[in-house]
């Protein structure tokens, strides 16, 4: 059985290949980024503090 993935904060796609980490600025929000968005350095934005990163 394959567990459901998580949604990428950059592109919104559901994926099983992702990285999950806390916001580097506030440490409150969990950032989930898919493999593709990481590869192309797609930006993301923290939902708590508004920090934007590559």
PDB file of N, CA and C in Angstrom:
ATOM      1  N   UNK A   1       0.841  -1.180   0.000  1.00  0.00           N
ATOM      2  CA  UNK A   1       0.000   0.000   0.000  1.00  0.00           C
ATOM      3  C   UNK A   1       0.890   1.250   0.000  1.00  0.00           C
ATOM      4  N   UNK A   2       0.603   2.171  -0.890  1.00  0.00           N
ATOM      5  CA  UNK A   2       1.344   3.419  -0.987  1.00  0.00           C
ATOM      6  C   UNK A   2       0.606   4.484  -0.183  1.00  0.00           C
ATOM      7  N   UNK A   3       1.326   5.123   0.709  1.00  0.00           N
ATOM      8  CA  UNK A   3       0.719   6.186   1.501  1.00  0.00           C
ATOM      9  C   UNK A   3       0.536   7.435   0.655  1.00  0.00           C
ATOM     10  N   UNK A   4      -0.519   8.210   0.919  1.00  0.00           N
ATOM     11  CA  UNK A   4      -0.716   9.444   0.162  1.00  0.00           C
ATOM     12  C   UNK A   4       0.428  10.417   0.411  1.00  0.00           C
ATOM     13  N   UNK A   5       0.768  11.192  -0.600  1.00  0.00           N
ATOM     14  CA  UNK A   5       1.860  12.154  -0.484  1.00  0.00           C
ATOM     15  C   UNK A   5       1.421  13.437   0.193  1.00  0.00           C
ATOM     16  N   UNK A   6       2.210  14.454  -0.027  1.00  0.00           N
ATOM     17  CA  UNK A   6       1.909  15.773   0.532  1.00  0.00           C
ATOM     18  C   UNK A   6       1.940  16.786  -0.603  1.00  0.00           C
ATOM     19  N   UNK A   7       1.301  17.942  -0.372  1.00  0.00           N
ATOM     20  CA  UNK A   7       1.250  18.982  -1.398  1.00  0.00           C
ATOM     21  C   UNK A   7       2.455  19.904  -1.294  1.00  0.00           C
ATOM     22  N   UNK A   8       3.064  20.161  -2.427  1.00  0.00           N
ATOM     23  CA  UNK A   8       4.204  21.080  -2.522  1.00  0.00           C
ATOM     24  C   UNK A   8       3.705  22.505  -2.304  1.00  0.00           C
ATOM     25  N   UNK A   9       4.411  23.269  -1.474  1.00  0.00           N
ATOM     26  CA  UNK A   9       4.018  24.650  -1.188  1.00  0.00           C
ATOM     27  C   UNK A   9       4.273  25.561  -2.405  1.00  0.00           C
ATOM     28  N   UNK A  10       5.201  25.165  -3.286  1.00  0.00           N
ATOM     29  CA  UNK A  10       5.524  25.991  -4.454  1.00  0.00           C
ATOM     30  C   UNK A  10       4.532  25.803  -5.598  1.00  0.00           C
ATOM     31  N   UNK A  11       4.263  24.543  -5.970  1.00  0.00           N
ATOM     32  CA  UNK A  11       3.413  24.291  -7.134  1.00  0.00           C
ATOM     33  C   UNK A  11       2.041  23.730  -6.785  1.00  0.00           C
ATOM     34  N   UNK A  12       1.866  23.248  -5.558  1.00  0.00           N
ATOM     35  CA  UNK A  12       0.581  22.727  -5.120  1.00  0.00           C
ATOM     36  C   UNK A  12       0.300  21.288  -5.489  1.00  0.00           C
ATOM     37  N   UNK A  13       1.215  20.653  -6.227  1.00  0.00           N
ATOM     38  CA  UNK A  13       0.997  19.270  -6.647  1.00  0.00           C
ATOM     39  C   UNK A  13       1.163  18.293  -5.494  1.00  0.00           C
ATOM     40  N   UNK A  14       0.379  17.223  -5.524  1.00  0.00           N
ATOM     41  CA  UNK A  14       0.500  16.132  -4.574  1.00  0.00           C
ATOM     42  C   UNK A  14       1.667  15.260  -5.024  1.00  0.00           C
ATOM     43  N   UNK A  15       2.601  14.975  -4.119  1.00  0.00           N
ATOM     44  CA  UNK A  15       3.778  14.213  -4.492  1.00  0.00           C
ATOM     45  C   UNK A  15       4.242  13.321  -3.350  1.00  0.00           C
ATOM     46  N   UNK A  16       4.916  12.246  -3.705  1.00  0.00           N
ATOM     47  CA  UNK A  16       5.539  11.362  -2.722  1.00  0.00           C
ATOM     48  C   UNK A  16       7.033  11.644  -2.633  1.00  0.00           C
ATOM     49  N   UNK A  17       7.572  12.440  -3.545  1.00  0.00           N
ATOM     50  CA  UNK A  17       8.989  12.796  -3.561  1.00  0.00           C
ATOM     51  C   UNK A  17       9.119  14.254  -3.131  1.00  0.00           C
ATOM     52  N   UNK A  18       9.351  14.464  -1.835  1.00  0.00           N
ATOM     53  CA  UNK A  18       9.378  15.819  -1.307  1.00  0.00           C
ATOM     54  C   UNK A  18      10.404  15.951  -0.192  1.00  0.00           C
ATOM     55  N   UNK A  19      10.716  17.198   0.135  1.00  0.00           N
ATOM     56  CA  UNK A  19      11.532  17.536   1.288  1.00  0.00           C
ATOM     57  C   UNK A  19      10.663  18.350   2.223  1.00  0.00           C
ATOM     58  N   UNK A  20      10.801  18.085   3.508  1.00  0.00           N
ATOM     59  CA  UNK A  20       9.995  18.769   4.513  1.00  0.00           C
ATOM     60  C   UNK A  20      10.931  19.397   5.543  1.00  0.00           C
ATOM     61  N   UNK A  21      10.756  20.698   5.797  1.00  0.00           N
ATOM     62  CA  UNK A  21      11.598  21.392   6.765  1.00  0.00           C
ATOM     63  C   UNK A  21      10.849  22.575   7.347  1.00  0.00           C
ATOM     64  N   UNK A  22      11.304  23.069   8.485  1.00  0.00           N
ATOM     65  CA  UNK A  22      10.685  24.238   9.106  1.00  0.00           C
ATOM     66  C   UNK A  22      11.204  25.499   8.433  1.00  0.00           C
ATOM     67  N   UNK A  23      10.396  26.549   8.464  1.00  0.00           N
ATOM     68  CA  UNK A  23      10.779  27.826   7.869  1.00  0.00           C
ATOM     69  C   UNK A  23      12.111  28.279   8.467  1.00  0.00           C
ATOM     70  N   UNK A  24      13.077  28.653   7.616  1.00  0.00           N
ATOM     71  CA  UNK A  24      14.375  29.082   8.116  1.00  0.00           C
ATOM     72  C   UNK A  24      14.333  30.394   8.898  1.00  0.00           C
ATOM     73  N   UNK A  25      13.262  31.173   8.728  1.00  0.00           N
ATOM     74  CA  UNK A  25      13.183  32.460   9.426  1.00  0.00           C
ATOM     75  C   UNK A  25      12.438  32.345  10.755  1.00  0.00           C
ATOM     76  N   UNK A  26      11.214  31.832  10.739  1.00  0.00           N
ATOM     77  CA  UNK A  26      10.412  31.803  11.967  1.00  0.00           C
ATOM     78  C   UNK A  26      10.414  30.449  12.670  1.00  0.00           C
ATOM     79  N   UNK A  27      10.656  29.376  11.931  1.00  0.00           N
ATOM     80  CA  UNK A  27      10.674  28.042  12.516  1.00  0.00           C
ATOM     81  C   UNK A  27       9.308  27.502  12.903  1.00  0.00           C
ATOM     82  N   UNK A  28       8.234  28.195  12.543  1.00  0.00           N
ATOM     83  CA  UNK A  28       6.882  27.770  12.924  1.00  0.00           C
ATOM     84  C   UNK A  28       6.220  26.915  11.852  1.00  0.00           C
ATOM     85  N   UNK A  29       6.279  27.347  10.624  1.00  0.00           N
ATOM     86  CA  UNK A  29       5.599  26.681   9.522  1.00  0.00           C
ATOM     87  C   UNK A  29       6.464  25.557   8.958  1.00  0.00           C
ATOM     88  N   UNK A  30       5.814  24.484   8.524  1.00  0.00           N
ATOM     89  CA  UNK A  30       6.513  23.385   7.865  1.00  0.00           C
ATOM     90  C   UNK A  30       6.428  23.616   6.366  1.00  0.00           C
ATOM     91  N   UNK A  31       7.579  23.648   5.712  1.00  0.00           N
ATOM     92  CA  UNK A  31       7.667  23.852   4.266  1.00  0.00           C
ATOM     93  C   UNK A  31       7.812  22.491   3.604  1.00  0.00           C
ATOM     94  N   UNK A  32       6.974  22.209   2.622  1.00  0.00           N
ATOM     95  CA  UNK A  32       7.044  20.959   1.865  1.00  0.00           C
ATOM     96  C   UNK A  32       7.269  21.328   0.410  1.00  0.00           C
ATOM     97  N   UNK A  33       8.365  20.827  -0.144  1.00  0.00           N
ATOM     98  CA  UNK A  33       8.703  21.124  -1.536  1.00  0.00           C
ATOM     99  C   UNK A  33       8.935  19.846  -2.309  1.00  0.00           C
ATOM    100  N   UNK A  34       8.371  19.757  -3.507  1.00  0.00           N
ATOM    101  CA  UNK A  34       8.552  18.571  -4.334  1.00  0.00           C
ATOM    102  C   UNK A  34       9.942  18.578  -4.977  1.00  0.00           C
ATOM    103  N   UNK A  35      10.336  17.428  -5.445  1.00  0.00           N
ATOM    104  CA  UNK A  35      11.642  17.252  -6.068  1.00  0.00           C
ATOM    105  C   UNK A  35      11.830  18.213  -7.245  1.00  0.00           C
ATOM    106  N   UNK A  36      10.801  18.341  -8.080  1.00  0.00           N
ATOM    107  CA  UNK A  36      10.903  19.188  -9.276  1.00  0.00           C
ATOM    108  C   UNK A  36      11.119  20.657  -8.906  1.00  0.00           C
ATOM    109  N   UNK A  37      10.342  21.180  -7.966  1.00  0.00           N
ATOM    110  CA  UNK A  37      10.489  22.586  -7.580  1.00  0.00           C
ATOM    111  C   UNK A  37      11.851  22.859  -6.955  1.00  0.00           C
ATOM    112  N   UNK A  38      12.394  21.887  -6.232  1.00  0.00           N
ATOM    113  CA  UNK A  38      13.741  22.042  -5.685  1.00  0.00           C
ATOM    114  C   UNK A  38      14.767  22.077  -6.802  1.00  0.00           C
ATOM    115  N   UNK A  39      14.604  21.219  -7.805  1.00  0.00           N
ATOM    116  CA  UNK A  39      15.536  21.150  -8.930  1.00  0.00           C
ATOM    117  C   UNK A  39      15.589  22.458  -9.719  1.00  0.00           C
ATOM    118  N   UNK A  40      14.427  23.093  -9.927  1.00  0.00           N
ATOM    119  CA  UNK A  40      14.383  24.314 -10.730  1.00  0.00           C
ATOM    120  C   UNK A  40      14.425  25.582  -9.877  1.00  0.00           C
ATOM    121  N   UNK A  41      14.625  25.414  -8.565  1.00  0.00           N
ATOM    122  CA  UNK A  41      14.698  26.536  -7.614  1.00  0.00           C
ATOM    123  C   UNK A  41      13.451  27.408  -7.640  1.00  0.00           C
ATOM    124  N   UNK A  42      12.294  26.765  -7.730  1.00  0.00           N
ATOM    125  CA  UNK A  42      11.018  27.461  -7.679  1.00  0.00           C
ATOM    126  C   UNK A  42      10.859  28.078  -6.287  1.00  0.00           C
ATOM    127  N   UNK A  43      10.344  29.279  -6.205  1.00  0.00           N
ATOM    128  CA  UNK A  43      10.236  29.967  -4.919  1.00  0.00           C
ATOM    129  C   UNK A  43       9.105  29.393  -4.065  1.00  0.00           C
ATOM    130  N   UNK A  44       9.220  29.608  -2.772  1.00  0.00           N
ATOM    131  CA  UNK A  44       8.173  29.243  -1.825  1.00  0.00           C
ATOM    132  C   UNK A  44       7.981  30.399  -0.857  1.00  0.00           C
ATOM    133  N   UNK A  45       6.825  30.421  -0.175  1.00  0.00           N
ATOM    134  CA  UNK A  45       6.535  31.482   0.772  1.00  0.00           C
ATOM    135  C   UNK A  45       5.968  30.878   2.042  1.00  0.00           C
ATOM    136  N   UNK A  46       6.536  31.236   3.179  1.00  0.00           N
ATOM    137  CA  UNK A  46       6.085  30.758   4.479  1.00  0.00           C
ATOM    138  C   UNK A  46       4.690  31.310   4.753  1.00  0.00           C
ATOM    139  N   UNK A  47       3.795  30.441   5.203  1.00  0.00           N
ATOM    140  CA  UNK A  47       2.429  30.873   5.497  1.00  0.00           C
ATOM    141  C   UNK A  47       2.321  31.612   6.819  1.00  0.00           C
ATOM    142  N   UNK A  48       3.327  31.513   7.679  1.00  0.00           N
ATOM    143  CA  UNK A  48       3.308  32.184   8.971  1.00  0.00           C
ATOM    144  C   UNK A  48       3.897  33.591   8.909  1.00  0.00           C
ATOM    145  N   UNK A  49       5.122  33.720   8.373  1.00  0.00           N
ATOM    146  CA  UNK A  49       5.832  35.005   8.428  1.00  0.00           C
ATOM    147  C   UNK A  49       6.016  35.681   7.063  1.00  0.00           C
ATOM    148  N   UNK A  50       5.710  34.951   5.974  1.00  0.00           N
ATOM    149  CA  UNK A  50       5.841  35.539   4.649  1.00  0.00           C
ATOM    150  C   UNK A  50       7.236  35.451   4.050  1.00  0.00           C
ATOM    151  N   UNK A  51       8.159  34.775   4.733  1.00  0.00           N
ATOM    152  CA  UNK A  51       9.519  34.608   4.206  1.00  0.00           C
ATOM    153  C   UNK A  51       9.463  33.901   2.856  1.00  0.00           C
ATOM    154  N   UNK A  52      10.224  34.396   1.882  1.00  0.00           N
ATOM    155  CA  UNK A  52      10.291  33.777   0.569  1.00  0.00           C
ATOM    156  C   UNK A  52      11.692  33.249   0.337  1.00  0.00           C
ATOM    157  N   UNK A  53      11.746  32.033  -0.171  1.00  0.00           N
ATOM    158  CA  UNK A  53      13.044  31.427  -0.417  1.00  0.00           C
ATOM    159  C   UNK A  53      13.067  30.623  -1.712  1.00  0.00           C
ATOM    160  N   UNK A  54      14.260  30.295  -2.131  1.00  0.00           N
ATOM    161  CA  UNK A  54      14.420  29.471  -3.330  1.00  0.00           C
ATOM    162  C   UNK A  54      14.313  27.992  -3.045  1.00  0.00           C
TER     163      UNK A  54
END
